[in-house]
Protein backbone atom coordinates (compact mmCIF):
# COMPACT_ATOMS: atom_id res chain seq x y z
CA MET A 1 40.67 111.73 109.39
CA ALA A 2 37.67 109.67 110.44
CA VAL A 3 36.30 112.59 112.51
CA GLU A 4 36.86 115.07 109.64
CA HIS A 5 35.09 112.78 107.20
CA GLY A 6 32.17 112.38 109.56
CA ARG A 7 31.79 116.11 110.10
CA ARG A 8 32.04 116.74 106.39
CA TYR A 9 29.12 114.44 105.75
CA GLY A 10 27.25 115.24 108.89
CA VAL A 11 27.55 111.68 110.20
CA ALA A 12 25.98 111.23 113.62
CA GLY A 13 28.18 109.80 116.32
CA SER A 14 31.48 110.78 114.85
CA LEU A 15 32.42 113.28 117.55
CA ASP A 16 35.82 113.24 119.17
CA GLU A 17 36.15 110.49 121.80
CA GLY A 18 36.89 113.16 124.38
CA THR A 19 33.32 114.29 124.09
CA PHE A 20 32.30 111.31 126.17
CA SER A 21 33.64 110.30 129.60
CA ALA A 22 35.82 107.21 129.74
CA ASP A 23 33.26 105.53 132.06
CA PHE A 24 30.43 106.15 129.60
CA GLN A 25 32.46 104.79 126.70
CA ALA A 26 33.54 101.67 128.63
CA SER A 27 30.03 100.86 129.84
CA HIS A 28 28.47 101.14 126.36
CA ALA A 29 31.29 99.69 124.25
CA ILE A 30 30.70 96.45 122.42
CA ALA A 31 33.98 96.31 120.46
CA SER A 32 37.14 98.16 119.84
CA LEU A 33 39.12 99.04 116.72
CA SER A 34 42.70 100.33 116.83
CA GLY A 35 42.29 101.14 120.48
CA ARG A 36 39.02 103.07 120.01
CA LEU A 37 35.96 101.91 121.88
CA LEU A 38 32.88 101.37 119.75
CA ARG A 39 29.22 101.60 120.64
CA PRO A 40 26.32 99.57 119.26
CA ASN A 41 25.00 100.74 115.92
CA CYS A 42 22.01 103.04 116.13
CA GLY A 43 22.20 104.07 112.47
CA ILE A 44 22.77 107.45 110.83
CA PRO A 45 20.91 109.49 108.18
CA LEU A 46 21.39 108.16 104.66
CA ASN A 47 24.50 109.70 103.16
CA LEU A 48 24.32 109.30 99.39
CA ASP A 49 27.75 110.83 98.83
CA TRP A 50 29.29 108.13 100.96
CA VAL A 51 27.34 105.38 99.14
CA ARG A 52 28.29 106.71 95.67
CA GLU A 53 31.96 106.96 96.60
CA VAL A 54 32.21 103.21 97.34
CA ARG A 55 34.61 101.60 94.89
CA VAL A 56 36.02 98.05 94.84
CA ASN A 57 39.10 96.89 93.01
CA THR A 58 37.82 93.39 92.17
CA SER A 59 41.10 91.93 91.00
CA ALA A 60 42.89 93.22 94.08
CA VAL A 61 40.19 91.77 96.39
CA GLU A 62 40.43 88.41 94.66
CA ARG A 63 44.25 88.34 94.96
CA ARG A 64 43.95 89.18 98.65
CA ALA A 65 41.54 86.38 99.22
CA GLN A 66 43.76 83.91 97.42
CA THR A 67 46.84 84.81 99.46
CA HIS A 68 44.73 84.54 102.60
CA THR A 69 43.91 80.88 101.97
CA ALA A 70 47.43 80.04 100.90
CA ARG A 71 48.95 80.94 104.27
CA ARG A 72 49.87 78.25 106.77
CA THR A 73 46.98 77.47 109.16
CA VAL A 74 47.20 76.98 112.89
CA LYS A 75 48.09 73.52 114.22
CA LYS A 76 47.71 71.24 117.23
CA GLU A 77 46.23 72.77 120.44
CA TRP A 78 45.95 76.20 118.83
CA GLN A 79 43.85 74.71 116.09
CA ALA A 80 41.61 73.00 118.58
CA ALA A 81 41.14 76.31 120.43
CA TRP A 82 40.22 78.17 117.29
CA LEU A 83 37.77 75.40 116.33
CA LEU A 84 36.09 75.70 119.71
CA ARG A 85 35.80 79.44 119.10
CA ALA A 86 34.16 78.77 115.78
CA ILE A 87 31.53 76.60 117.50
CA SER A 88 30.76 79.39 119.96
CA CYS A 89 30.13 81.75 116.98
CA MET A 90 27.81 79.34 115.16
CA ASP A 91 24.13 79.74 114.34
CA LEU A 92 22.72 76.24 113.95
CA THR A 93 20.04 76.53 111.27
CA THR A 94 17.16 74.49 109.85
CA LEU A 95 15.24 76.21 107.04
CA SER A 96 13.79 73.42 105.04
CA GLY A 97 10.30 72.87 103.71
CA ASP A 98 10.04 69.59 105.63
CA ASP A 99 11.05 71.04 109.04
CA THR A 100 9.18 69.60 112.02
CA ASP A 101 8.98 70.36 115.75
CA GLU A 102 10.98 67.17 116.47
CA ARG A 103 13.75 68.21 114.03
CA VAL A 104 13.96 71.62 115.72
CA ARG A 105 14.11 70.03 119.20
CA ARG A 106 16.97 67.76 118.05
CA LEU A 107 18.81 70.73 116.62
CA CYS A 108 18.35 72.52 119.92
CA ALA A 109 19.75 69.58 121.81
CA LYS A 110 22.80 69.75 119.59
CA ALA A 111 23.08 73.49 120.22
CA ARG A 112 23.22 72.84 123.94
CA GLN A 113 25.86 70.11 123.58
CA PRO A 114 27.59 70.70 120.19
CA VAL A 115 30.55 68.53 120.97
CA GLN A 116 30.06 64.89 122.07
CA TYR A 117 30.56 64.30 125.76
CA GLU A 118 33.39 61.76 125.23
CA ILE A 119 35.39 64.25 123.16
CA VAL A 120 34.78 67.03 125.73
CA GLN A 121 36.15 64.72 128.42
CA ARG A 122 39.18 63.74 126.43
CA LEU A 123 40.04 67.35 125.67
CA GLY A 124 39.43 68.40 129.30
CA ILE A 125 37.21 71.33 128.30
CA GLY A 126 34.13 70.61 130.35
CA GLU A 127 34.44 73.78 132.37
CA LEU A 128 34.29 75.85 129.19
CA ASN A 129 30.62 74.90 128.70
CA ILE A 130 30.93 75.24 124.89
CA LYS A 131 27.68 75.85 123.09
CA VAL A 132 26.61 77.57 119.93
CA ALA A 133 25.47 81.17 119.76
CA ALA A 134 21.94 80.71 118.35
CA VAL A 135 19.44 78.43 116.63
CA CYS A 136 17.83 79.90 113.49
CA VAL A 137 14.42 78.77 112.38
CA TYR A 138 11.28 79.83 110.61
CA HIS A 139 8.62 81.74 112.65
CA ALA A 140 6.47 78.68 112.99
CA PHE A 141 9.18 76.99 115.15
CA VAL A 142 10.20 79.94 117.34
CA GLU A 143 8.11 78.72 120.34
CA THR A 144 9.46 75.16 119.98
CA ALA A 145 13.03 76.45 119.96
CA LEU A 146 12.48 78.74 122.97
CA ARG A 147 11.14 75.89 124.99
CA ALA A 148 13.96 73.53 123.99
CA LEU A 149 16.65 76.09 124.75
CA GLU A 150 15.26 77.53 127.97
CA GLY A 151 17.97 78.32 130.49
CA SER A 152 20.80 77.42 128.08
CA GLY A 153 21.82 80.94 127.06
CA VAL A 154 21.57 79.95 123.39
CA ARG A 155 19.56 82.58 121.51
CA VAL A 156 16.67 82.04 119.14
CA ALA A 157 16.80 83.72 115.74
CA ALA A 158 13.91 83.79 113.27
CA VAL A 159 14.23 84.38 109.51
CA SER A 160 11.69 86.87 108.38
CA THR A 161 10.57 89.36 105.69
CA GLY A 162 9.60 86.81 103.07
CA PHE A 163 12.73 84.76 103.39
CA PRO A 164 14.54 83.90 101.15
CA THR A 165 13.40 86.18 98.32
CA GLY A 166 12.02 89.12 100.29
CA LEU A 167 9.39 89.80 97.64
CA SER A 168 6.19 89.73 99.72
CA PRO A 169 4.42 93.05 100.35
CA LEU A 170 6.19 95.33 102.81
CA GLN A 171 3.32 95.34 105.36
CA GLU A 172 3.38 91.55 105.45
CA ARG A 173 7.13 91.50 105.98
CA VAL A 174 6.97 93.95 108.84
CA ALA A 175 4.06 92.05 110.44
CA GLU A 176 6.15 88.85 110.24
CA ILE A 177 8.96 90.53 112.16
CA ARG A 178 6.60 91.75 114.83
CA ARG A 179 5.00 88.30 115.29
CA SER A 180 8.39 86.64 115.82
CA VAL A 181 9.50 89.34 118.27
CA GLU A 182 6.23 89.05 120.19
CA THR A 183 6.71 85.28 120.30
CA GLY A 184 10.10 85.76 121.90
CA ALA A 185 12.76 85.62 119.14
CA GLN A 186 15.89 87.48 120.32
CA GLU A 187 17.29 87.93 116.81
CA ILE A 188 15.65 88.55 113.42
CA ASP A 189 17.31 87.80 110.09
CA VAL A 190 15.77 90.05 107.45
CA VAL A 191 16.06 89.96 103.64
CA ILE A 192 16.47 93.11 101.54
CA THR A 193 14.84 93.77 98.24
CA ARG A 194 17.72 93.14 95.86
CA ALA A 195 16.04 95.20 93.08
CA HIS A 196 16.68 98.31 95.12
CA VAL A 197 20.45 97.62 94.82
CA PHE A 198 20.26 96.87 91.08
CA GLY A 199 18.36 100.10 90.49
CA GLY A 200 20.55 102.21 92.75
CA LYS A 201 17.45 103.00 94.81
CA TRP A 202 19.36 103.66 97.99
CA GLN A 203 16.71 105.77 99.69
CA GLU A 204 14.18 102.99 99.19
CA LEU A 205 16.66 100.41 100.50
CA TYR A 206 17.51 102.54 103.54
CA ASP A 207 13.78 103.20 104.32
CA GLU A 208 13.05 99.42 104.00
CA ILE A 209 15.80 98.43 106.41
CA ALA A 210 14.98 101.24 108.86
CA THR A 211 11.36 100.10 108.90
CA PHE A 212 12.53 96.54 109.65
CA LYS A 213 14.82 97.86 112.41
CA SER A 214 11.90 99.70 114.05
CA ALA A 215 9.75 96.53 113.90
CA CYS A 216 12.53 94.49 115.57
CA GLY A 217 12.41 96.57 118.77
CA HIS A 218 14.75 95.02 121.31
CA ALA A 219 15.70 92.09 119.00
CA HIS A 220 18.97 92.18 117.15
CA MET A 221 18.59 92.61 113.44
CA LYS A 222 20.86 90.76 110.98
CA VAL A 223 20.45 92.15 107.40
CA ILE A 224 20.90 89.49 104.68
CA LEU A 225 22.25 91.13 101.49
CA GLY A 226 21.91 88.00 99.25
CA THR A 227 25.43 88.72 97.88
CA GLY A 228 25.28 85.86 95.42
CA ASP A 229 22.47 87.74 93.60
CA LEU A 230 24.12 91.24 93.73
CA VAL A 231 26.45 90.51 90.77
CA THR A 232 29.31 92.90 91.57
CA LEU A 233 31.45 93.54 94.67
CA ARG A 234 30.70 97.24 94.36
CA ASN A 235 27.00 96.41 94.82
CA VAL A 236 27.96 94.36 97.87
CA GLY A 237 29.97 97.26 99.33
CA ARG A 238 27.21 99.88 98.68
CA ALA A 239 24.48 97.66 100.11
CA SER A 240 26.59 96.96 103.17
CA VAL A 241 27.01 100.73 103.83
CA VAL A 242 23.32 101.48 103.42
CA ALA A 243 22.27 98.63 105.66
CA MET A 244 24.65 99.90 108.43
CA MET A 245 23.35 103.45 108.03
CA ALA A 246 19.81 102.17 108.44
CA GLY A 247 20.66 100.58 111.73
CA ALA A 248 21.72 96.93 111.07
CA ASP A 249 23.25 95.18 114.08
CA PHE A 250 24.84 92.58 111.76
CA ILE A 251 25.29 92.40 108.03
CA LYS A 252 25.00 88.93 106.57
CA THR A 253 26.13 87.54 103.25
CA SER A 254 23.47 85.17 102.12
CA THR A 255 20.24 83.27 102.73
CA GLY A 256 22.04 80.04 101.87
CA LYS A 257 19.57 79.55 99.05
CA GLU A 258 21.45 81.48 96.36
CA PRO A 259 23.63 79.65 93.83
CA THR A 260 26.69 81.41 95.29
CA ASN A 261 26.77 82.12 98.98
CA ALA A 262 29.54 83.26 101.35
CA THR A 263 32.91 83.74 99.63
CA LEU A 264 36.09 85.25 101.04
CA PRO A 265 36.16 88.13 98.46
CA VAL A 266 32.61 89.11 99.50
CA GLY A 267 33.65 88.76 103.14
CA LEU A 268 36.69 91.04 102.59
CA VAL A 269 34.51 93.73 101.04
CA MET A 270 31.89 93.59 103.84
CA THR A 271 34.37 93.55 106.69
CA ARG A 272 36.24 96.52 105.24
CA ALA A 273 32.91 98.34 104.96
CA ILE A 274 32.30 97.54 108.65
CA ARG A 275 35.78 98.86 109.49
CA GLU A 276 35.29 102.09 107.61
CA TYR A 277 31.85 102.60 109.18
CA ALA A 278 33.34 102.04 112.67
CA ASN A 279 36.09 104.56 111.94
CA GLU A 280 33.62 107.15 110.71
CA THR A 281 30.86 106.82 113.25
CA GLY A 282 32.34 105.15 116.34
CA MET A 283 29.75 102.36 116.07
CA ALA A 284 30.36 98.64 115.57
CA VAL A 285 28.39 96.31 113.35
CA GLY A 286 28.63 92.54 113.38
CA PHE A 287 29.27 90.25 110.48
CA LYS A 288 27.80 86.84 109.47
CA PRO A 289 28.95 84.75 106.49
CA ALA A 290 26.28 82.12 105.68
CA GLY A 291 25.98 79.38 103.13
CA GLY A 292 28.65 77.17 101.53
CA ILE A 293 30.83 76.99 104.60
CA ARG A 294 31.18 73.29 105.38
CA THR A 295 34.63 72.42 106.68
CA ALA A 296 36.71 73.06 109.75
CA LYS A 297 39.47 74.54 107.51
CA GLN A 298 36.97 77.10 106.13
CA SER A 299 36.04 78.09 109.69
CA LEU A 300 39.71 78.84 110.40
CA GLU A 301 40.02 80.93 107.20
CA TRP A 302 37.01 83.05 108.17
CA LEU A 303 38.16 83.50 111.76
CA ALA A 304 41.63 84.61 110.52
CA LEU A 305 40.01 87.06 108.12
CA ILE A 306 37.97 88.60 110.94
CA LYS A 307 40.98 88.89 113.18
CA GLU A 308 43.10 90.54 110.45
CA GLU A 309 40.42 92.92 109.20
CA LEU A 310 38.52 93.86 112.34
CA GLY A 311 40.60 92.69 115.27
CA PRO A 312 40.17 90.33 118.25
CA SER A 313 37.12 92.11 119.65
CA TRP A 314 35.08 90.82 116.71
CA LEU A 315 35.99 87.17 117.43
CA ARG A 316 32.93 86.77 119.77
CA ALA A 317 29.36 85.69 119.20
CA GLU A 318 28.25 89.20 119.94
CA MET A 319 30.07 90.43 116.79
CA PHE A 320 30.56 87.40 114.53
CA ARG A 321 28.53 84.45 113.46
CA PHE A 322 28.69 81.50 111.11
CA GLY A 323 25.59 80.39 109.31
CA ALA A 324 26.98 77.00 108.73
CA SER A 325 25.30 74.04 110.42
CA GLY A 326 26.97 71.50 108.18
CA MET A 327 30.38 72.62 109.37
CA LEU A 328 29.91 71.41 112.93
CA GLY A 329 30.23 67.73 112.08
CA ASP A 330 33.68 68.26 110.43
CA ILE A 331 34.81 70.41 113.41
CA GLU A 332 33.81 67.59 115.76
CA ARG A 333 35.84 65.14 113.62
CA GLN A 334 38.92 67.43 113.78
CA LEU A 335 38.52 67.75 117.56
CA GLU A 336 38.25 64.00 118.01
CA HIS A 337 41.37 63.53 115.89
CA HIS A 338 43.23 66.06 118.18
CA ALA A 339 42.08 64.08 121.21
CA THR A 340 42.63 60.53 119.92
CA GLY A 341 44.86 60.72 116.82
CA ARG A 342 42.09 59.03 114.79
CA TYR A 343 39.50 60.36 112.31
CA SER A 344 35.95 59.11 112.72
CA ALA A 345 33.29 58.65 110.07
CA ASP A 346 30.91 61.53 109.27
CA TYR A 347 27.89 59.61 110.38
CA ARG A 348 29.14 59.51 113.94
CA HIS A 349 28.60 63.28 114.25
CA PRO A 350 25.06 63.96 113.28
CA ILE A 351 23.70 67.55 113.52
CA ALA A 352 20.11 66.64 114.39
């Protein structure tokens, strides 16, 4: 049915898998869904029929989210393993008006060694070389982060496009992306114009994101929808689809500055949009919940959601991220409890 749907709407990339050789598919695949290998997202032409057909049963989504959190969580060594996975998918972030080079350097040091050495030794996980996925900063601190993270494998992400409101002139937003890429940022987190969503201006939204994607060049683009501002889950679903059509490598819930940020109902809508897009096009898009995720328990809930909705191949930093620096301290406390049987005070696990 996915192929038929793609042909009906003229969706690029939805040819039968037999069109490509197995070697080609395997060498270009970044994820898999129901046994089907998926390629990186290169975008498709805007399909307004698809966008207009997006419907969300809000009450059903909310019930599904409630039952998800009510289930029994993982325990003991399995919990510790999941928490380590959460760390490896984390973007440590500092986006404050009082940021300094020294604060960014301290954050980068934490990114290199997110779990205290004593805990690592007690758990016997030294050979795993656990580190976070990326450090996310304003453009002014990209060079500082790059120097501090050199040789670590931790990526540098820069917020751009008039973060967090996205209301500066388009040329300025595009120039901001290019400056960060030229400086060396490997990932760019862009902000959409929410008014395009409210007005149903899908072509304008598509063109805006496609322009951002072109400016990103080789850097991965994470598209922030600002879901707390979008009012309805249907708006979230439609914005997700348009962002993916325009070439998003990731879709991200929030800037962390909205009154409401990442919630499980929003995550459910966005992950199912990703799943439908993958089924229709054969291309995979990553997902990043950001803002309001502060506890180890929440990290387990999000990881479980990703596994259930998208499958194990999304449980990697290449396909899933947390925008949740404050969560790391609680995860460290839980890991220390697993290793020693005692809980430590929050102040013993500073972020930076």
